[in-house]
PDB file of all heavy atoms in Angstrom:
ATOM      1  N   SER A   1       1.653  -4.271  -6.642  1.00  0.00           N
ATOM      2  CA  SER A   1       2.556  -3.620  -5.793  1.00  0.00           C
ATOM      3  C   SER A   1       3.393  -2.537  -6.513  1.00  0.00           C
ATOM      4  O   SER A   1       4.187  -1.968  -5.988  1.00  0.00           O
ATOM      5  CB  SER A   1       3.531  -4.629  -5.206  1.00  0.00           C
ATOM      6  OG  SER A   1       2.919  -5.537  -4.278  1.00  0.00           O
ATOM      7  N   GLY A   2       3.056  -2.356  -7.775  1.00  0.00           N
ATOM      8  CA  GLY A   2       3.794  -1.332  -8.621  1.00  0.00           C
ATOM      9  C   GLY A   2       4.944  -1.764  -9.282  1.00  0.00           C
ATOM     10  O   GLY A   2       5.670  -0.942  -9.849  1.00  0.00           O
ATOM     11  N   PHE A   3       5.210  -3.093  -9.376  1.00  0.00           N
ATOM     12  CA  PHE A   3       6.381  -3.517 -10.091  1.00  0.00           C
ATOM     13  C   PHE A   3       6.057  -4.000 -11.489  1.00  0.00           C
ATOM     14  O   PHE A   3       4.904  -4.474 -11.704  1.00  0.00           O
ATOM     15  CB  PHE A   3       7.007  -4.694  -9.332  1.00  0.00           C
ATOM     16  CG  PHE A   3       7.640  -4.386  -7.933  1.00  0.00           C
ATOM     17  CD1 PHE A   3       6.975  -4.424  -6.801  1.00  0.00           C
ATOM     18  CD2 PHE A   3       9.012  -3.959  -8.055  1.00  0.00           C
ATOM     19  CE1 PHE A   3       7.627  -4.124  -5.617  1.00  0.00           C
ATOM     20  CE2 PHE A   3       9.616  -3.623  -6.810  1.00  0.00           C
ATOM     21  CZ  PHE A   3       8.930  -3.748  -5.634  1.00  0.00           C
ATOM     22  N   PRO A   4       6.908  -3.799 -12.405  1.00  0.00           N
ATOM     23  CA  PRO A   4       6.678  -4.257 -13.770  1.00  0.00           C
ATOM     24  C   PRO A   4       6.796  -5.791 -13.841  1.00  0.00           C
ATOM     25  O   PRO A   4       7.544  -6.392 -12.966  1.00  0.00           O
ATOM     26  CB  PRO A   4       7.753  -3.667 -14.601  1.00  0.00           C
ATOM     27  CG  PRO A   4       8.851  -3.362 -13.594  1.00  0.00           C
ATOM     28  CD  PRO A   4       8.242  -3.030 -12.363  1.00  0.00           C
ATOM     29  N   LEU A   5       6.366  -6.434 -14.819  1.00  0.00           N
ATOM     30  CA  LEU A   5       6.464  -7.787 -15.024  1.00  0.00           C
ATOM     31  C   LEU A   5       7.911  -8.173 -15.208  1.00  0.00           C
ATOM     32  O   LEU A   5       8.279  -9.366 -15.076  1.00  0.00           O
ATOM     33  CB  LEU A   5       5.641  -8.357 -16.063  1.00  0.00           C
ATOM     34  CG  LEU A   5       4.133  -8.262 -15.903  1.00  0.00           C
ATOM     35  CD1 LEU A   5       3.377  -8.633 -17.182  1.00  0.00           C
ATOM     36  CD2 LEU A   5       3.710  -9.171 -14.811  1.00  0.00           C
ATOM     37  N   THR A   6       8.794  -7.257 -15.554  1.00  0.00           N
ATOM     38  CA  THR A   6      10.174  -7.550 -15.809  1.00  0.00           C
ATOM     39  C   THR A   6      11.024  -7.366 -14.564  1.00  0.00           C
ATOM     40  O   THR A   6      12.233  -7.445 -14.558  1.00  0.00           O
ATOM     41  CB  THR A   6      10.603  -6.655 -16.874  1.00  0.00           C
ATOM     42  OG1 THR A   6      10.458  -5.192 -16.523  1.00  0.00           O
ATOM     43  CG2 THR A   6      10.121  -6.868 -18.246  1.00  0.00           C
ATOM     44  N   ALA A   7      10.342  -7.050 -13.412  1.00  0.00           N
ATOM     45  CA  ALA A   7      11.087  -6.825 -12.147  1.00  0.00           C
ATOM     46  C   ALA A   7      11.890  -8.224 -11.847  1.00  0.00           C
ATOM     47  O   ALA A   7      11.320  -9.327 -11.970  1.00  0.00           O
ATOM     48  CB  ALA A   7      10.134  -6.536 -11.044  1.00  0.00           C
ATOM     49  N   PRO A   8      13.085  -8.058 -11.334  1.00  0.00           N
ATOM     50  CA  PRO A   8      13.842  -9.283 -10.976  1.00  0.00           C
ATOM     51  C   PRO A   8      13.259  -9.998  -9.809  1.00  0.00           C
ATOM     52  O   PRO A   8      12.980  -9.390  -8.752  1.00  0.00           O
ATOM     53  CB  PRO A   8      15.285  -8.748 -10.688  1.00  0.00           C
ATOM     54  CG  PRO A   8      15.042  -7.388 -10.334  1.00  0.00           C
ATOM     55  CD  PRO A   8      13.917  -6.890 -11.106  1.00  0.00           C
ATOM     56  N   VAL A   9      13.010 -11.354  -9.985  1.00  0.00           N
ATOM     57  CA  VAL A   9      12.416 -12.097  -8.914  1.00  0.00           C
ATOM     58  C   VAL A   9      13.304 -13.329  -8.674  1.00  0.00           C
ATOM     59  O   VAL A   9      13.649 -14.015  -9.521  1.00  0.00           O
ATOM     60  CB  VAL A   9      10.903 -12.620  -9.270  1.00  0.00           C
ATOM     61  CG1 VAL A   9      10.390 -13.509  -8.228  1.00  0.00           C
ATOM     62  CG2 VAL A   9      10.037 -11.486  -9.582  1.00  0.00           C
ATOM     63  N   GLU A  10      13.599 -13.533  -7.434  1.00  0.00           N
ATOM     64  CA  GLU A  10      14.486 -14.672  -7.047  1.00  0.00           C
ATOM     65  C   GLU A  10      13.789 -15.513  -6.089  1.00  0.00           C
ATOM     66  O   GLU A  10      13.200 -15.032  -5.150  1.00  0.00           O
ATOM     67  CB  GLU A  10      15.735 -14.125  -6.339  1.00  0.00           C
ATOM     68  CG  GLU A  10      16.653 -15.136  -5.841  1.00  0.00           C
ATOM     69  CD  GLU A  10      17.756 -14.655  -4.992  1.00  0.00           C
ATOM     70  OE1 GLU A  10      18.102 -13.405  -5.043  1.00  0.00           O
ATOM     71  OE2 GLU A  10      18.469 -15.434  -4.221  1.00  0.00           O
ATOM     72  N   GLN A  11      13.719 -16.867  -6.459  1.00  0.00           N
ATOM     73  CA  GLN A  11      13.085 -17.816  -5.531  1.00  0.00           C
ATOM     74  C   GLN A  11      14.125 -18.301  -4.484  1.00  0.00           C
ATOM     75  O   GLN A  11      15.101 -18.716  -4.721  1.00  0.00           O
ATOM     76  CB  GLN A  11      12.480 -19.056  -6.307  1.00  0.00           C
ATOM     77  CG  GLN A  11      11.752 -19.994  -5.494  1.00  0.00           C
ATOM     78  CD  GLN A  11      11.022 -21.061  -6.327  1.00  0.00           C
ATOM     79  OE1 GLN A  11      10.633 -20.811  -7.466  1.00  0.00           O
ATOM     80  NE2 GLN A  11      11.084 -22.303  -5.805  1.00  0.00           N
ATOM     81  N   ARG A  12      13.643 -18.153  -3.175  1.00  0.00           N
ATOM     82  CA  ARG A  12      14.507 -18.578  -2.118  1.00  0.00           C
ATOM     83  C   ARG A  12      13.815 -19.535  -1.224  1.00  0.00           C
ATOM     84  O   ARG A  12      12.558 -19.597  -1.145  1.00  0.00           O
ATOM     85  CB  ARG A  12      14.928 -17.348  -1.233  1.00  0.00           C
ATOM     86  CG  ARG A  12      15.695 -16.272  -1.939  1.00  0.00           C
ATOM     87  CD  ARG A  12      15.897 -15.132  -0.979  1.00  0.00           C
ATOM     88  NE  ARG A  12      16.628 -14.029  -1.665  1.00  0.00           N
ATOM     89  CZ  ARG A  12      16.858 -12.869  -1.074  1.00  0.00           C
ATOM     90  NH1 ARG A  12      16.464 -12.667   0.207  1.00  0.00           N
ATOM     91  NH2 ARG A  12      17.502 -11.882  -1.700  1.00  0.00           N
ATOM     92  N   GLU A  13      14.536 -20.393  -0.542  1.00  0.00           N
ATOM     93  CA  GLU A  13      14.016 -21.304   0.417  1.00  0.00           C
ATOM     94  C   GLU A  13      14.449 -20.826   1.849  1.00  0.00           C
ATOM     95  O   GLU A  13      15.658 -20.634   2.104  1.00  0.00           O
ATOM     96  CB  GLU A  13      14.504 -22.690   0.274  1.00  0.00           C
ATOM     97  CG  GLU A  13      14.044 -23.369  -1.090  1.00  0.00           C
ATOM     98  CD  GLU A  13      12.525 -23.738  -0.986  1.00  0.00           C
ATOM     99  OE1 GLU A  13      12.038 -24.100   0.106  1.00  0.00           O
ATOM    100  OE2 GLU A  13      11.865 -23.432  -2.010  1.00  0.00           O
ATOM    101  N   LEU A  14      13.404 -20.312   2.634  1.00  0.00           N
ATOM    102  CA  LEU A  14      13.775 -20.007   3.952  1.00  0.00           C
ATOM    103  C   LEU A  14      12.860 -20.919   4.903  1.00  0.00           C
ATOM    104  O   LEU A  14      11.685 -20.937   4.778  1.00  0.00           O
ATOM    105  CB  LEU A  14      13.198 -18.467   4.184  1.00  0.00           C
ATOM    106  CG  LEU A  14      13.979 -17.459   3.288  1.00  0.00           C
ATOM    107  CD1 LEU A  14      13.361 -16.028   3.530  1.00  0.00           C
ATOM    108  CD2 LEU A  14      15.446 -17.405   3.522  1.00  0.00           C
ATOM    109  N   ASN A  15      13.667 -21.476   5.889  1.00  0.00           N
ATOM    110  CA  ASN A  15      13.006 -22.326   6.757  1.00  0.00           C
ATOM    111  C   ASN A  15      12.172 -23.401   6.070  1.00  0.00           C
ATOM    112  O   ASN A  15      11.071 -23.825   6.539  1.00  0.00           O
ATOM    113  CB  ASN A  15      12.188 -21.506   7.681  1.00  0.00           C
ATOM    114  CG  ASN A  15      11.693 -22.310   8.970  1.00  0.00           C
ATOM    115  OD1 ASN A  15      12.541 -22.965   9.612  1.00  0.00           O
ATOM    116  ND2 ASN A  15      10.397 -22.317   9.193  1.00  0.00           N
ATOM    117  N   GLY A  16      12.600 -23.842   4.903  1.00  0.00           N
ATOM    118  CA  GLY A  16      11.823 -24.968   4.197  1.00  0.00           C
ATOM    119  C   GLY A  16      10.675 -24.496   3.414  1.00  0.00           C
ATOM    120  O   GLY A  16       9.876 -25.311   2.909  1.00  0.00           O
ATOM    121  N   GLN A  17      10.421 -23.181   3.346  1.00  0.00           N
ATOM    122  CA  GLN A  17       9.236 -22.603   2.657  1.00  0.00           C
ATOM    123  C   GLN A  17       9.765 -21.705   1.552  1.00  0.00           C
ATOM    124  O   GLN A  17      10.878 -21.063   1.679  1.00  0.00           O
ATOM    125  CB  GLN A  17       8.351 -21.918   3.544  1.00  0.00           C
ATOM    126  CG  GLN A  17       7.723 -22.803   4.531  1.00  0.00           C
ATOM    127  CD  GLN A  17       6.518 -22.306   5.419  1.00  0.00           C
ATOM    128  OE1 GLN A  17       6.659 -21.289   6.023  1.00  0.00           O
ATOM    129  NE2 GLN A  17       5.410 -22.928   5.168  1.00  0.00           N
ATOM    130  N   THR A  18       8.982 -21.651   0.473  1.00  0.00           N
ATOM    131  CA  THR A  18       9.384 -20.800  -0.662  1.00  0.00           C
ATOM    132  C   THR A  18       9.017 -19.420  -0.495  1.00  0.00           C
ATOM    133  O   THR A  18       7.954 -19.123   0.034  1.00  0.00           O
ATOM    134  CB  THR A  18       8.703 -21.389  -1.987  1.00  0.00           C
ATOM    135  OG1 THR A  18       9.105 -22.745  -2.149  1.00  0.00           O
ATOM    136  CG2 THR A  18       9.098 -20.563  -3.111  1.00  0.00           C
ATOM    137  N   VAL A  19       9.961 -18.487  -0.750  1.00  0.00           N
ATOM    138  CA  VAL A  19       9.708 -17.045  -0.600  1.00  0.00           C
ATOM    139  C   VAL A  19      10.249 -16.440  -1.837  1.00  0.00           C
ATOM    140  O   VAL A  19      11.409 -16.830  -2.388  1.00  0.00           O
ATOM    141  CB  VAL A  19      10.554 -16.488   0.640  1.00  0.00           C
ATOM    142  CG1 VAL A  19      10.460 -14.986   0.684  1.00  0.00           C
ATOM    143  CG2 VAL A  19       9.956 -17.125   1.937  1.00  0.00           C
ATOM    144  N   TYR A  20       9.586 -15.477  -2.411  1.00  0.00           N
ATOM    145  CA  TYR A  20      10.078 -14.796  -3.642  1.00  0.00           C
ATOM    146  C   TYR A  20      10.624 -13.424  -3.234  1.00  0.00           C
ATOM    147  O   TYR A  20       9.927 -12.618  -2.512  1.00  0.00           O
ATOM    148  CB  TYR A  20       8.938 -14.536  -4.642  1.00  0.00           C
ATOM    149  CG  TYR A  20       8.298 -15.952  -5.033  1.00  0.00           C
ATOM    150  CD1 TYR A  20       7.231 -16.524  -4.370  1.00  0.00           C
ATOM    151  CD2 TYR A  20       9.004 -16.670  -5.960  1.00  0.00           C
ATOM    152  CE1 TYR A  20       6.732 -17.727  -4.847  1.00  0.00           C
ATOM    153  CE2 TYR A  20       8.450 -17.821  -6.435  1.00  0.00           C
ATOM    154  CZ  TYR A  20       7.283 -18.418  -5.805  1.00  0.00           C
ATOM    155  OH  TYR A  20       6.815 -19.638  -6.208  1.00  0.00           O
ATOM    156  N   ALA A  21      11.861 -13.162  -3.603  1.00  0.00           N
ATOM    157  CA  ALA A  21      12.520 -11.956  -3.293  1.00  0.00           C
ATOM    158  C   ALA A  21      12.426 -11.101  -4.632  1.00  0.00           C
ATOM    159  O   ALA A  21      12.888 -11.440  -5.579  1.00  0.00           O
ATOM    160  CB  ALA A  21      13.955 -12.131  -2.910  1.00  0.00           C
ATOM    161  N   VAL A  22      11.937  -9.871  -4.492  1.00  0.00           N
ATOM    162  CA  VAL A  22      11.734  -8.937  -5.553  1.00  0.00           C
ATOM    163  C   VAL A  22      12.540  -7.760  -5.314  1.00  0.00           C
ATOM    164  O   VAL A  22      12.760  -7.187  -4.211  1.00  0.00           O
ATOM    165  CB  VAL A  22      10.253  -8.510  -5.721  1.00  0.00           C
ATOM    166  CG1 VAL A  22       9.949  -7.601  -6.895  1.00  0.00           C
ATOM    167  CG2 VAL A  22       9.389  -9.724  -5.749  1.00  0.00           C
ATOM    168  N   ASP A  23      13.208  -7.251  -6.474  1.00  0.00           N
ATOM    169  CA  ASP A  23      13.914  -6.040  -6.383  1.00  0.00           C
ATOM    170  C   ASP A  23      15.152  -6.220  -5.276  1.00  0.00           C
ATOM    171  O   ASP A  23      15.378  -5.361  -4.465  1.00  0.00           O
ATOM    172  CB  ASP A  23      13.125  -4.835  -6.088  1.00  0.00           C
ATOM    173  CG  ASP A  23      13.861  -3.537  -6.198  1.00  0.00           C
ATOM    174  OD1 ASP A  23      14.721  -3.398  -7.141  1.00  0.00           O
ATOM    175  OD2 ASP A  23      13.443  -2.567  -5.519  1.00  0.00           O
ATOM    176  N   GLY A  24      15.897  -7.202  -5.464  1.00  0.00           N
ATOM    177  CA  GLY A  24      17.002  -7.462  -4.514  1.00  0.00           C
ATOM    178  C   GLY A  24      16.653  -7.795  -3.157  1.00  0.00           C
ATOM    179  O   GLY A  24      17.502  -7.629  -2.235  1.00  0.00           O
ATOM    180  N   GLY A  25      15.452  -8.123  -2.802  1.00  0.00           N
ATOM    181  CA  GLY A  25      15.037  -8.543  -1.499  1.00  0.00           C
ATOM    182  C   GLY A  25      14.275  -7.417  -0.868  1.00  0.00           C
ATOM    183  O   GLY A  25      13.932  -7.576   0.344  1.00  0.00           O
ATOM    184  N   ASN A  26      14.048  -6.271  -1.607  1.00  0.00           N
ATOM    185  CA  ASN A  26      13.351  -5.152  -0.873  1.00  0.00           C
ATOM    186  C   ASN A  26      11.760  -5.553  -0.606  1.00  0.00           C
ATOM    187  O   ASN A  26      11.122  -5.061   0.364  1.00  0.00           O
ATOM    188  CB  ASN A  26      13.392  -3.971  -1.736  1.00  0.00           C
ATOM    189  CG  ASN A  26      14.659  -3.304  -1.687  1.00  0.00           C
ATOM    190  OD1 ASN A  26      15.383  -3.278  -0.687  1.00  0.00           O
ATOM    191  ND2 ASN A  26      15.131  -2.768  -2.816  1.00  0.00           N
ATOM    192  N   LEU A  27      11.336  -6.407  -1.412  1.00  0.00           N
ATOM    193  CA  LEU A  27       9.951  -6.956  -1.210  1.00  0.00           C
ATOM    194  C   LEU A  27       9.985  -8.431  -1.194  1.00  0.00           C
ATOM    195  O   LEU A  27      10.655  -9.157  -1.984  1.00  0.00           O
ATOM    196  CB  LEU A  27       9.001  -6.607  -2.393  1.00  0.00           C
ATOM    197  CG  LEU A  27       7.578  -7.342  -2.432  1.00  0.00           C
ATOM    198  CD1 LEU A  27       6.832  -6.964  -1.258  1.00  0.00           C
ATOM    199  CD2 LEU A  27       6.907  -6.931  -3.799  1.00  0.00           C
ATOM    200  N   LEU A  28       9.503  -9.034  -0.091  1.00  0.00           N
ATOM    201  CA  LEU A  28       9.402 -10.598   0.049  1.00  0.00           C
ATOM    202  C   LEU A  28       8.005 -10.995   0.000  1.00  0.00           C
ATOM    203  O   LEU A  28       7.219 -10.433   0.722  1.00  0.00           O
ATOM    204  CB  LEU A  28      10.127 -11.032   1.353  1.00  0.00           C
ATOM    205  CG  LEU A  28      11.639 -10.703   1.477  1.00  0.00           C
ATOM    206  CD1 LEU A  28      12.096 -11.102   2.854  1.00  0.00           C
ATOM    207  CD2 LEU A  28      12.471 -11.285   0.439  1.00  0.00           C
ATOM    208  N   ILE A  29       7.792 -11.950  -0.874  1.00  0.00           N
ATOM    209  CA  ILE A  29       6.384 -12.547  -0.898  1.00  0.00           C
ATOM    210  C   ILE A  29       6.417 -13.971  -0.626  1.00  0.00           C
ATOM    211  O   ILE A  29       7.217 -14.759  -1.215  1.00  0.00           O
ATOM    212  CB  ILE A  29       5.814 -12.349  -2.500  1.00  0.00           C
ATOM    213  CG1 ILE A  29       5.887 -10.808  -2.743  1.00  0.00           C
ATOM    214  CG2 ILE A  29       4.475 -12.986  -2.576  1.00  0.00           C
ATOM    215  CD1 ILE A  29       5.501 -10.590  -4.312  1.00  0.00           C
ATOM    216  N   CYS A  30       5.674 -14.359   0.326  1.00  0.00           N
ATOM    217  CA  CYS A  30       5.359 -15.791   0.720  1.00  0.00           C
ATOM    218  C   CYS A  30       3.965 -16.189   0.541  1.00  0.00           C
ATOM    219  O   CYS A  30       3.090 -15.601   0.909  1.00  0.00           O
ATOM    220  CB  CYS A  30       5.773 -15.944   2.252  1.00  0.00           C
ATOM    221  SG  CYS A  30       5.914 -17.650   2.788  1.00  0.00           S
ATOM    222  N   LEU A  31       3.873 -17.284  -0.314  1.00  0.00           N
ATOM    223  CA  LEU A  31       2.587 -17.730  -0.806  1.00  0.00           C
ATOM    224  C   LEU A  31       2.190 -19.041  -0.181  1.00  0.00           C
ATOM    225  O   LEU A  31       1.367 -19.764  -0.531  1.00  0.00           O
ATOM    226  CB  LEU A  31       2.507 -17.925  -2.239  1.00  0.00           C
ATOM    227  CG  LEU A  31       2.846 -16.642  -3.037  1.00  0.00           C
ATOM    228  CD1 LEU A  31       2.792 -16.822  -4.544  1.00  0.00           C
ATOM    229  CD2 LEU A  31       1.793 -15.487  -2.654  1.00  0.00           C
ATOM    230  N   ASN A  32       3.008 -19.474   0.867  1.00  0.00           N
ATOM    231  CA  ASN A  32       2.720 -20.828   1.530  1.00  0.00           C
ATOM    232  C   ASN A  32       1.589 -20.712   2.398  1.00  0.00           C
ATOM    233  O   ASN A  32       1.407 -19.856   3.101  1.00  0.00           O
ATOM    234  CB  ASN A  32       3.963 -21.190   2.347  1.00  0.00           C
ATOM    235  CG  ASN A  32       5.203 -21.490   1.536  1.00  0.00           C
ATOM    236  OD1 ASN A  32       5.320 -22.419   0.832  1.00  0.00           O
ATOM    237  ND2 ASN A  32       6.210 -20.592   1.694  1.00  0.00           N
ATOM    238  N   VAL A  33       0.780 -21.811   2.424  1.00  0.00           N
ATOM    239  CA  VAL A  33      -0.328 -22.047   3.238  1.00  0.00           C
ATOM    240  C   VAL A  33      -0.198 -23.450   3.819  1.00  0.00           C
ATOM    241  O   VAL A  33      -0.266 -24.418   3.118  1.00  0.00           O
ATOM    242  CB  VAL A  33      -1.688 -21.891   2.479  1.00  0.00           C
ATOM    243  CG1 VAL A  33      -2.784 -22.231   3.378  1.00  0.00           C
ATOM    244  CG2 VAL A  33      -1.843 -20.563   1.846  1.00  0.00           C
ATOM    245  N   PRO A  34      -0.014 -23.577   5.081  1.00  0.00           N
ATOM    246  CA  PRO A  34       0.231 -22.447   6.157  1.00  0.00           C
ATOM    247  C   PRO A  34       1.605 -21.873   6.140  1.00  0.00           C
ATOM    248  O   PRO A  34       2.516 -22.550   5.537  1.00  0.00           O
ATOM    249  CB  PRO A  34      -0.166 -23.104   7.460  1.00  0.00           C
ATOM    250  CG  PRO A  34       0.360 -24.588   7.175  1.00  0.00           C
ATOM    251  CD  PRO A  34       0.028 -24.897   5.776  1.00  0.00           C
ATOM    252  N   ILE A  35       1.822 -20.770   6.690  1.00  0.00           N
ATOM    253  CA  ILE A  35       3.075 -20.258   6.833  1.00  0.00           C
ATOM    254  C   ILE A  35       3.569 -20.476   8.281  1.00  0.00           C
ATOM    255  O   ILE A  35       2.759 -20.384   9.223  1.00  0.00           O
ATOM    256  CB  ILE A  35       3.106 -18.703   6.599  1.00  0.00           C
ATOM    257  CG1 ILE A  35       4.624 -18.260   6.424  1.00  0.00           C
ATOM    258  CG2 ILE A  35       2.312 -17.931   7.540  1.00  0.00           C
ATOM    259  CD1 ILE A  35       4.738 -16.867   5.890  1.00  0.00           C
ATOM    260  N   GLU A  36       4.742 -20.986   8.421  1.00  0.00           N
ATOM    261  CA  GLU A  36       5.268 -21.163   9.719  1.00  0.00           C
ATOM    262  C   GLU A  36       5.666 -19.939  10.420  1.00  0.00           C
ATOM    263  O   GLU A  36       6.223 -18.972   9.894  1.00  0.00           O
ATOM    264  CB  GLU A  36       6.541 -22.177   9.628  1.00  0.00           C
ATOM    265  CG  GLU A  36       6.110 -23.507   8.910  1.00  0.00           C
ATOM    266  CD  GLU A  36       5.229 -24.423   9.647  1.00  0.00           C
ATOM    267  OE1 GLU A  36       5.346 -24.417  10.927  1.00  0.00           O
ATOM    268  OE2 GLU A  36       4.460 -25.200   9.048  1.00  0.00           O
ATOM    269  N   GLU A  37       5.557 -19.960  11.733  1.00  0.00           N
ATOM    270  CA  GLU A  37       5.977 -18.808  12.562  1.00  0.00           C
ATOM    271  C   GLU A  37       7.418 -18.632  12.360  1.00  0.00           C
ATOM    272  O   GLU A  37       7.845 -17.398  12.341  1.00  0.00           O
ATOM    273  CB  GLU A  37       5.515 -18.983  14.058  1.00  0.00           C
ATOM    274  CG  GLU A  37       5.845 -17.815  14.930  1.00  0.00           C
ATOM    275  CD  GLU A  37       5.336 -18.064  16.364  1.00  0.00           C
ATOM    276  OE1 GLU A  37       4.609 -19.023  16.659  1.00  0.00           O
ATOM    277  OE2 GLU A  37       5.673 -17.205  17.107  1.00  0.00           O
ATOM    278  N   THR A  38       8.197 -19.611  12.335  1.00  0.00           N
ATOM    279  CA  THR A  38       9.679 -19.556  12.153  1.00  0.00           C
ATOM    280  C   THR A  38       9.970 -18.873  10.958  1.00  0.00           C
ATOM    281  O   THR A  38      10.928 -18.116  10.780  1.00  0.00           O
ATOM    282  CB  THR A  38      10.414 -20.826  12.458  1.00  0.00           C
ATOM    283  OG1 THR A  38       9.831 -21.767  11.643  1.00  0.00           O
ATOM    284  CG2 THR A  38      10.433 -21.309  13.971  1.00  0.00           C
ATOM    285  N   THR A  39       9.294 -19.192   9.896  1.00  0.00           N
ATOM    286  CA  THR A  39       9.458 -18.567   8.471  1.00  0.00           C
ATOM    287  C   THR A  39       9.201 -17.011   8.624  1.00  0.00           C
ATOM    288  O   THR A  39       9.951 -16.175   8.157  1.00  0.00           O
ATOM    289  CB  THR A  39       8.558 -19.208   7.494  1.00  0.00           C
ATOM    290  OG1 THR A  39       8.860 -20.575   7.475  1.00  0.00           O
ATOM    291  CG2 THR A  39       8.747 -18.469   6.097  1.00  0.00           C
ATOM    292  N   LEU A  40       8.181 -16.692   9.385  1.00  0.00           N
ATOM    293  CA  LEU A  40       7.793 -15.261   9.478  1.00  0.00           C
ATOM    294  C   LEU A  40       9.027 -14.539  10.298  1.00  0.00           C
ATOM    295  O   LEU A  40       9.402 -13.392   9.858  1.00  0.00           O
ATOM    296  CB  LEU A  40       6.596 -15.052  10.203  1.00  0.00           C
ATOM    297  CG  LEU A  40       5.292 -15.449   9.475  1.00  0.00           C
ATOM    298  CD1 LEU A  40       4.106 -15.730  10.441  1.00  0.00           C
ATOM    299  CD2 LEU A  40       5.044 -14.463   8.407  1.00  0.00           C
ATOM    300  N   ARG A  41       9.595 -15.138  11.195  1.00  0.00           N
ATOM    301  CA  ARG A  41      10.719 -14.561  11.994  1.00  0.00           C
ATOM    302  C   ARG A  41      11.936 -14.447  11.064  1.00  0.00           C
ATOM    303  O   ARG A  41      12.695 -13.433  11.111  1.00  0.00           O
ATOM    304  CB  ARG A  41      10.992 -15.377  13.138  1.00  0.00           C
ATOM    305  CG  ARG A  41       9.811 -15.315  14.125  1.00  0.00           C
ATOM    306  CD  ARG A  41      10.170 -15.773  15.565  1.00  0.00           C
ATOM    307  NE  ARG A  41       8.994 -16.045  16.378  1.00  0.00           N
ATOM    308  CZ  ARG A  41       8.220 -15.130  16.784  1.00  0.00           C
ATOM    309  NH1 ARG A  41       8.201 -13.868  16.383  1.00  0.00           N
ATOM    310  NH2 ARG A  41       7.071 -15.473  17.502  1.00  0.00           N
ATOM    311  N   VAL A  42      12.093 -15.441  10.186  1.00  0.00           N
ATOM    312  CA  VAL A  42      13.247 -15.394   9.274  1.00  0.00           C
ATOM    313  C   VAL A  42      13.067 -14.267   8.305  1.00  0.00           C
ATOM    314  O   VAL A  42      13.956 -13.495   7.864  1.00  0.00           O
ATOM    315  CB  VAL A  42      13.494 -16.744   8.599  1.00  0.00           C
ATOM    316  CG1 VAL A  42      14.508 -16.669   7.456  1.00  0.00           C
ATOM    317  CG2 VAL A  42      13.899 -17.785   9.512  1.00  0.00           C
ATOM    318  N   LEU A  43      11.791 -14.037   7.739  1.00  0.00           N
ATOM    319  CA  LEU A  43      11.550 -12.928   6.863  1.00  0.00           C
ATOM    320  C   LEU A  43      11.810 -11.619   7.543  1.00  0.00           C
ATOM    321  O   LEU A  43      12.463 -10.692   7.047  1.00  0.00           O
ATOM    322  CB  LEU A  43      10.010 -12.853   6.576  1.00  0.00           C
ATOM    323  CG  LEU A  43       9.529 -14.054   5.673  1.00  0.00           C
ATOM    324  CD1 LEU A  43       7.911 -13.874   5.484  1.00  0.00           C
ATOM    325  CD2 LEU A  43      10.190 -13.977   4.300  1.00  0.00           C
ATOM    326  N   ILE A  44      11.673 -11.428   8.907  1.00  0.00           N
ATOM    327  CA  ILE A  44      12.000 -10.235   9.610  1.00  0.00           C
ATOM    328  C   ILE A  44      13.498  -9.991   9.567  1.00  0.00           C
ATOM    329  O   ILE A  44      13.930  -8.949   9.339  1.00  0.00           O
ATOM    330  CB  ILE A  44      11.404 -10.230  10.962  1.00  0.00           C
ATOM    331  CG1 ILE A  44       9.759 -10.133  10.954  1.00  0.00           C
ATOM    332  CG2 ILE A  44      11.953  -9.038  11.827  1.00  0.00           C
ATOM    333  CD1 ILE A  44       9.143 -10.377  12.244  1.00  0.00           C
ATOM    334  N   GLU A  45      14.158 -11.058   9.860  1.00  0.00           N
ATOM    335  CA  GLU A  45      15.586 -11.074   9.881  1.00  0.00           C
ATOM    336  C   GLU A  45      16.239 -10.629   8.653  1.00  0.00           C
ATOM    337  O   GLU A  45      17.442 -10.058   8.552  1.00  0.00           O
ATOM    338  CB  GLU A  45      16.205 -12.395  10.348  1.00  0.00           C
ATOM    339  CG  GLU A  45      15.947 -12.814  11.677  1.00  0.00           C
ATOM    340  CD  GLU A  45      16.283 -14.220  11.991  1.00  0.00           C
ATOM    341  OE1 GLU A  45      16.934 -14.894  11.143  1.00  0.00           O
ATOM    342  OE2 GLU A  45      16.036 -14.636  13.118  1.00  0.00           O
TER     343      GLU A  45
END
């Protein structure tokens, strides 16, 4: 995605699933399988 390995990454729990916030939350990465529909809606929010 063009980020250096030193980019700030924060692990968050959204709707009980782990989400990684990169660059202050400008990029959100969710690696959960399966991903819940409610988690996707929280990501949009």
